[in-house]
Amino acid sequence: MTVHHAATALHFPLHKPGFEDITGAARDAVTASGVRNGILTVYSQHTTCAVLIQEESMDQTLDGVEFLLQDMVNYLTSLVPTCRHEGQYLHPGPKHLEYATGTLGEEGWWSLNTDAHLRSVLLGRSQTIPVIDGRLELGEFGRIYFADFDGMRQRDRTARFTVIGE
């Protein structure tokens, strides 16, 4: 059995939820692994991000977000409102803010991202896809998206791939 690890670096420059289609990088990881039959796991180590499989929408908002993904953000915002001020959610509390600002040297307002953490939990931080005859089984329109819901600042992120099989 083969176990192959790969990663791709992502950058999210905008101050809003961002999405990156990582289907090509996932296919590259499968090809590099040499696995013909097995599974691919796509994972985010970031607690304000998610990995999802969705149909490619093709149509986009004026700032480049596919309509289906924007519809999802709109729905998630109705479930988990965007954090606008301290005290809107219990998190971040005083101990967290002290650690973030004192130990990590972060700006306090960067911690006002509770909505991003909750959205990540709802959607999940990983997906597992079958690999059959060396190809990802995503269906006719399926794409793999990396979502970053933390719009508090520019962020560099990493999508991790693990391919297991024969």
C-alpha atoms as a PDB file:
ATOM      1  CA  MET A   1       0.000   0.000   0.000  1.00  0.00           C
ATOM      2  CA  THR A   2       1.171   3.513  -0.836  1.00  0.00           C
ATOM      3  CA  VAL A   3       0.737   6.596   1.342  1.00  0.00           C
ATOM      4  CA  HIS A   4       1.580   9.882  -0.374  1.00  0.00           C
ATOM      5  CA  HIS A   5       1.437  13.386   1.122  1.00  0.00           C
ATOM      6  CA  ALA A   6       1.315  16.661  -0.800  1.00  0.00           C
ATOM      7  CA  ALA A   7       0.311  20.247  -0.091  1.00  0.00           C
ATOM      8  CA  THR A   8      -0.528  23.411  -1.940  1.00  0.00           C
ATOM      9  CA  ALA A   9      -0.082  26.957  -0.672  1.00  0.00           C
ATOM     10  CA  LEU A  10      -2.981  29.394  -0.937  1.00  0.00           C
ATOM     11  CA  HIS A  11      -3.254  33.124  -0.341  1.00  0.00           C
ATOM     12  CA  PHE A  12      -6.437  34.965   0.554  1.00  0.00           C
ATOM     13  CA  PRO A  13      -5.947  38.735   0.153  1.00  0.00           C
ATOM     14  CA  LEU A  14      -9.499  40.034   0.513  1.00  0.00           C
ATOM     15  CA  HIS A  15     -11.268  40.967   3.722  1.00  0.00           C
ATOM     16  CA  LYS A  16     -14.190  38.582   3.199  1.00  0.00           C
ATOM     17  CA  PRO A  17     -14.743  34.853   2.775  1.00  0.00           C
ATOM     18  CA  GLY A  18     -12.575  33.483  -0.031  1.00  0.00           C
ATOM     19  CA  PHE A  19     -12.619  30.333  -2.116  1.00  0.00           C
ATOM     20  CA  GLU A  20      -9.973  28.544  -4.133  1.00  0.00           C
ATOM     21  CA  ASP A  21     -10.679  25.685  -6.546  1.00  0.00           C
ATOM     22  CA  ILE A  22      -8.023  23.107  -5.635  1.00  0.00           C
ATOM     23  CA  THR A  23      -9.275  20.304  -7.876  1.00  0.00           C
ATOM     24  CA  GLY A  24      -6.196  20.521 -10.117  1.00  0.00           C
ATOM     25  CA  ALA A  25      -3.824  20.292  -7.149  1.00  0.00           C
ATOM     26  CA  ALA A  26      -5.776  17.293  -5.841  1.00  0.00           C
ATOM     27  CA  ARG A  27      -5.504  15.551  -9.216  1.00  0.00           C
ATOM     28  CA  ASP A  28      -1.777  16.317  -9.285  1.00  0.00           C
ATOM     29  CA  ALA A  29      -1.384  14.702  -5.847  1.00  0.00           C
ATOM     30  CA  VAL A  30      -3.140  11.558  -7.063  1.00  0.00           C
ATOM     31  CA  THR A  31      -0.976  11.410 -10.203  1.00  0.00           C
ATOM     32  CA  ALA A  32       2.241  11.944  -8.211  1.00  0.00           C
ATOM     33  CA  SER A  33       1.258   9.172  -5.795  1.00  0.00           C
ATOM     34  CA  GLY A  34       0.959   6.533  -8.487  1.00  0.00           C
ATOM     35  CA  VAL A  35      -2.139   5.195  -6.708  1.00  0.00           C
ATOM     36  CA  ARG A  36      -4.644   3.631  -9.087  1.00  0.00           C
ATOM     37  CA  ASN A  37      -7.274   2.584  -6.541  1.00  0.00           C
ATOM     38  CA  GLY A  38      -7.697   4.084  -3.088  1.00  0.00           C
ATOM     39  CA  ILE A  39      -8.752   7.334  -1.475  1.00  0.00           C
ATOM     40  CA  LEU A  40      -7.690  10.956  -1.382  1.00  0.00           C
ATOM     41  CA  THR A  41      -8.234  13.008   1.754  1.00  0.00           C
ATOM     42  CA  VAL A  42      -8.113  16.789   1.432  1.00  0.00           C
ATOM     43  CA  TYR A  43      -7.598  18.560   4.744  1.00  0.00           C
ATOM     44  CA  SER A  44      -7.325  22.061   6.200  1.00  0.00           C
ATOM     45  CA  GLN A  45      -5.337  22.494   9.394  1.00  0.00           C
ATOM     46  CA  HIS A  46      -6.797  25.983   9.781  1.00  0.00           C
ATOM     47  CA  THR A  47      -9.723  26.260  12.207  1.00  0.00           C
ATOM     48  CA  THR A  48     -11.484  29.011  10.245  1.00  0.00           C
ATOM     49  CA  CYS A  49     -11.350  27.170   6.916  1.00  0.00           C
ATOM     50  CA  ALA A  50     -13.311  24.349   5.297  1.00  0.00           C
ATOM     51  CA  VAL A  51     -12.915  21.907   2.423  1.00  0.00           C
ATOM     52  CA  LEU A  52     -16.002  21.264   0.357  1.00  0.00           C
ATOM     53  CA  ILE A  53     -17.098  19.522  -2.794  1.00  0.00           C
ATOM     54  CA  GLN A  54     -19.542  21.470  -4.892  1.00  0.00           C
ATOM     55  CA  GLU A  55     -20.648  21.931  -8.456  1.00  0.00           C
ATOM     56  CA  GLU A  56     -18.770  24.537 -10.453  1.00  0.00           C
ATOM     57  CA  SER A  57     -21.171  27.447 -10.806  1.00  0.00           C
ATOM     58  CA  MET A  58     -19.390  29.206 -13.697  1.00  0.00           C
ATOM     59  CA  ASP A  59     -21.310  32.458 -13.138  1.00  0.00           C
ATOM     60  CA  GLN A  60     -19.570  34.819 -10.718  1.00  0.00           C
ATOM     61  CA  THR A  61     -20.226  37.930  -8.692  1.00  0.00           C
ATOM     62  CA  LEU A  62     -18.435  41.082  -9.811  1.00  0.00           C
ATOM     63  CA  ASP A  63     -15.607  40.323  -7.369  1.00  0.00           C
ATOM     64  CA  GLY A  64     -15.111  36.760  -8.647  1.00  0.00           C
ATOM     65  CA  VAL A  65     -17.066  34.530  -6.242  1.00  0.00           C
ATOM     66  CA  GLU A  66     -19.020  31.783  -7.993  1.00  0.00           C
ATOM     67  CA  PHE A  67     -22.769  32.239  -7.528  1.00  0.00           C
ATOM     68  CA  LEU A  68     -23.291  28.876  -5.801  1.00  0.00           C
ATOM     69  CA  LEU A  69     -20.520  29.627  -3.309  1.00  0.00           C
ATOM     70  CA  GLN A  70     -21.919  33.112  -2.673  1.00  0.00           C
ATOM     71  CA  ASP A  71     -25.358  31.570  -2.124  1.00  0.00           C
ATOM     72  CA  MET A  72     -23.755  29.284   0.463  1.00  0.00           C
ATOM     73  CA  VAL A  73     -22.079  32.245   2.217  1.00  0.00           C
ATOM     74  CA  ASN A  74     -25.397  34.123   2.246  1.00  0.00           C
ATOM     75  CA  TYR A  75     -27.116  31.118   3.835  1.00  0.00           C
ATOM     76  CA  LEU A  76     -24.320  30.553   6.369  1.00  0.00           C
ATOM     77  CA  THR A  77     -24.478  34.242   7.313  1.00  0.00           C
ATOM     78  CA  SER A  78     -28.159  33.838   8.163  1.00  0.00           C
ATOM     79  CA  LEU A  79     -27.242  30.882  10.430  1.00  0.00           C
ATOM     80  CA  VAL A  80     -24.046  32.393  11.854  1.00  0.00           C
ATOM     81  CA  PRO A  81     -24.006  36.198  11.590  1.00  0.00           C
ATOM     82  CA  THR A  82     -20.689  37.854  10.819  1.00  0.00           C
ATOM     83  CA  CYS A  83     -18.898  38.941  13.997  1.00  0.00           C
ATOM     84  CA  ARG A  84     -18.968  42.751  14.029  1.00  0.00           C
ATOM     85  CA  HIS A  85     -17.986  43.644  17.599  1.00  0.00           C
ATOM     86  CA  GLU A  86     -16.599  42.334  20.868  1.00  0.00           C
ATOM     87  CA  GLY A  87     -19.298  40.689  22.963  1.00  0.00           C
ATOM     88  CA  GLN A  88     -21.428  39.564  20.022  1.00  0.00           C
ATOM     89  CA  TYR A  89     -20.241  36.010  20.771  1.00  0.00           C
ATOM     90  CA  LEU A  90     -18.675  34.632  23.970  1.00  0.00           C
ATOM     91  CA  HIS A  91     -15.413  34.081  22.049  1.00  0.00           C
ATOM     92  CA  PRO A  92     -12.959  35.788  22.154  1.00  0.00           C
ATOM     93  CA  GLY A  93     -12.804  36.097  25.901  1.00  0.00           C
ATOM     94  CA  PRO A  94     -10.269  38.060  27.923  1.00  0.00           C
ATOM     95  CA  LYS A  95      -7.803  35.157  28.296  1.00  0.00           C
ATOM     96  CA  HIS A  96      -7.838  34.492  24.562  1.00  0.00           C
ATOM     97  CA  LEU A  97      -7.330  38.172  23.756  1.00  0.00           C
ATOM     98  CA  GLU A  98      -4.478  38.429  26.270  1.00  0.00           C
ATOM     99  CA  TYR A  99      -2.740  35.428  24.687  1.00  0.00           C
ATOM    100  CA  ALA A 100      -3.346  36.627  21.106  1.00  0.00           C
ATOM    101  CA  THR A 101      -2.103  40.156  21.721  1.00  0.00           C
ATOM    102  CA  GLY A 102       0.528  39.556  24.397  1.00  0.00           C
ATOM    103  CA  THR A 103       2.072  36.239  23.367  1.00  0.00           C
ATOM    104  CA  LEU A 104       1.406  36.091  19.635  1.00  0.00           C
ATOM    105  CA  GLY A 105       1.663  39.840  18.955  1.00  0.00           C
ATOM    106  CA  GLU A 106      -1.629  39.904  17.048  1.00  0.00           C
ATOM    107  CA  GLU A 107      -4.057  42.778  16.789  1.00  0.00           C
ATOM    108  CA  GLY A 108      -6.991  42.244  19.163  1.00  0.00           C
ATOM    109  CA  TRP A 109      -9.608  42.793  16.471  1.00  0.00           C
ATOM    110  CA  TRP A 110      -8.168  39.858  14.481  1.00  0.00           C
ATOM    111  CA  SER A 111      -9.823  37.612  17.081  1.00  0.00           C
ATOM    112  CA  LEU A 112     -13.288  38.823  16.096  1.00  0.00           C
ATOM    113  CA  ASN A 113     -13.605  35.833  13.768  1.00  0.00           C
ATOM    114  CA  THR A 114     -15.902  33.577  15.775  1.00  0.00           C
ATOM    115  CA  ASP A 115     -18.276  33.331  12.813  1.00  0.00           C
ATOM    116  CA  ALA A 116     -15.452  31.852  10.714  1.00  0.00           C
ATOM    117  CA  HIS A 117     -14.765  29.176  13.335  1.00  0.00           C
ATOM    118  CA  LEU A 118     -18.454  28.234  13.522  1.00  0.00           C
ATOM    119  CA  ARG A 119     -18.882  28.118   9.728  1.00  0.00           C
ATOM    120  CA  SER A 120     -15.802  25.902   9.464  1.00  0.00           C
ATOM    121  CA  VAL A 121     -17.295  23.491  12.000  1.00  0.00           C
ATOM    122  CA  LEU A 122     -20.600  23.349  10.103  1.00  0.00           C
ATOM    123  CA  LEU A 123     -18.961  22.519   6.749  1.00  0.00           C
ATOM    124  CA  GLY A 124     -16.006  20.455   7.953  1.00  0.00           C
ATOM    125  CA  ARG A 125     -12.277  20.723   7.419  1.00  0.00           C
ATOM    126  CA  SER A 126     -11.766  17.637   5.244  1.00  0.00           C
ATOM    127  CA  GLN A 127     -13.228  15.592   2.420  1.00  0.00           C
ATOM    128  CA  THR A 128     -12.447  12.048   1.312  1.00  0.00           C
ATOM    129  CA  ILE A 129     -12.805  11.142  -2.367  1.00  0.00           C
ATOM    130  CA  PRO A 130     -12.508   7.690  -3.956  1.00  0.00           C
ATOM    131  CA  VAL A 131      -9.692   7.145  -6.452  1.00  0.00           C
ATOM    132  CA  ILE A 132     -10.676   4.575  -9.089  1.00  0.00           C
ATOM    133  CA  ASP A 133      -8.411   3.691 -11.992  1.00  0.00           C
ATOM    134  CA  GLY A 134      -6.196   6.667 -11.101  1.00  0.00           C
ATOM    135  CA  ARG A 135      -9.029   9.211 -11.283  1.00  0.00           C
ATOM    136  CA  LEU A 136     -10.870  11.174  -8.630  1.00  0.00           C
ATOM    137  CA  GLU A 137     -14.548  10.261  -8.489  1.00  0.00           C
ATOM    138  CA  LEU A 138     -16.091  13.720  -8.192  1.00  0.00           C
ATOM    139  CA  GLY A 139     -19.039  13.259 -10.507  1.00  0.00           C
ATOM    140  CA  GLU A 140     -19.688  15.172 -13.695  1.00  0.00           C
ATOM    141  CA  PHE A 141     -19.593  18.688 -12.220  1.00  0.00           C
ATOM    142  CA  GLY A 142     -17.841  18.190  -8.872  1.00  0.00           C
ATOM    143  CA  ARG A 143     -15.001  20.472  -7.832  1.00  0.00           C
ATOM    144  CA  ILE A 144     -12.988  20.655  -4.609  1.00  0.00           C
ATOM    145  CA  TYR A 145     -12.960  24.077  -2.971  1.00  0.00           C
ATOM    146  CA  PHE A 146     -10.870  25.375  -0.105  1.00  0.00           C
ATOM    147  CA  ALA A 147     -12.867  27.998   1.789  1.00  0.00           C
ATOM    148  CA  ASP A 148     -11.347  30.612   4.090  1.00  0.00           C
ATOM    149  CA  PHE A 149     -14.056  32.240   6.190  1.00  0.00           C
ATOM    150  CA  ASP A 150     -11.669  34.436   8.217  1.00  0.00           C
ATOM    151  CA  GLY A 151     -11.795  37.781   6.458  1.00  0.00           C
ATOM    152  CA  MET A 152     -10.140  39.714   9.287  1.00  0.00           C
ATOM    153  CA  ARG A 153      -6.772  39.950   7.478  1.00  0.00           C
ATOM    154  CA  GLN A 154      -4.770  38.581   4.585  1.00  0.00           C
ATOM    155  CA  ARG A 155      -3.840  34.981   5.208  1.00  0.00           C
ATOM    156  CA  ASP A 156      -1.554  32.334   3.767  1.00  0.00           C
ATOM    157  CA  ARG A 157      -3.132  28.895   4.016  1.00  0.00           C
ATOM    158  CA  THR A 158      -2.199  25.314   3.181  1.00  0.00           C
ATOM    159  CA  ALA A 159      -4.398  22.600   1.685  1.00  0.00           C
ATOM    160  CA  ARG A 160      -3.038  19.139   2.533  1.00  0.00           C
ATOM    161  CA  PHE A 161      -3.549  15.993   0.461  1.00  0.00           C
ATOM    162  CA  THR A 162      -3.086  12.387   1.550  1.00  0.00           C
ATOM    163  CA  VAL A 163      -3.469   9.632  -1.029  1.00  0.00           C
ATOM    164  CA  ILE A 164      -3.727   6.053   0.242  1.00  0.00           C
ATOM    165  CA  GLY A 165      -4.078   2.977  -1.917  1.00  0.00           C
ATOM    166  CA  GLU A 166      -2.487   0.680  -4.433  1.00  0.00           C
END
